[in-house]
Amino acid sequence: MAFTAPGEHPGHGPDHDGSQQTERGFDAAMVHKREIDRLGAFTDGVIVISMTLLVLDIELPPGTDGKGDAALLDGLGQILPQISSYAISFLVIANYWVLHTLKFRGLARIDGPFVWMNIVFLLAIGSIPFVTSVLSDNHGTVATSLYAAVMAFVSASLAVMGIHAERRGLVEKPVVPRYPLQHVARSLITAAIFLGSIVIAQFNPTAAQWSWLLLVPASLIGRRLGSDDIARLGEENDV
């Protein structure tokens, strides 16, 4: 016969209370995970649509069809600016998706401000096909500056989201104090390059566009700065 302490009912002892707390904690974690998954799926959808819309701006010049290989090659040569703008924007958006995925990987929950920061981020992402189209048709100071400003804003919004998540305790486990800066290093470097190109565009738009090639080594540098902490976070999540 089981012994029941005075004032304690069977099935309502410390072990039962502890199991209830564990169940509530598990349920809360599942709710947070669903919220994160829904926001992540919504973000992925907007990004995929934006990347797809980029290619719709590429069209052969009128009168190219049925005129032979020479005319086709000439037409392809005429749309090289559109093709290059498409390639740059596609790769940049892909890089933003990678950075966004890294941020979501360590989240345990999200709050209202983070959701709205993510919406603002997507608002800017959705405008990239438009500014890409403007840049492919106009290579002057205004078009170059507009494109760079949008890209810098997207990068900065990613950095703000990362810092907010760390400072508000939205990440699953605390990491080293320098983590926020390292985690957003690639976003900050990307923003700095695009902001710098706006200054260059006031004097030479072509040079400003060539300066975007710095994104390649900058991405490698940013990855090196944050690789140790991101790897540590991944190892902790696997435990």
Foldseek 3Di string as FASTA:
>chain_A
DDDDDPPGDPCRDPVNVVVVVVVVVVVVQVVQVVVLVVLLVVLVVLLVVLLVLLCVLDDFDPPQPPPDDVSVVVRVVVQVLSVVLSVVLNVLSVVLNVLVVLLSVFFSGDDDVLSVLSVVLSVLSNCQSVLSSVCSVDQALVSLLVNLVSSLVNLVSSLVSLVVCQVVVRGPDHDDPCQSCLSSQLSNLSSVLSVVLNVVRVPPSVVSVVSNVVNVVSNVVSCVSNVVRSVVSVVVVVD
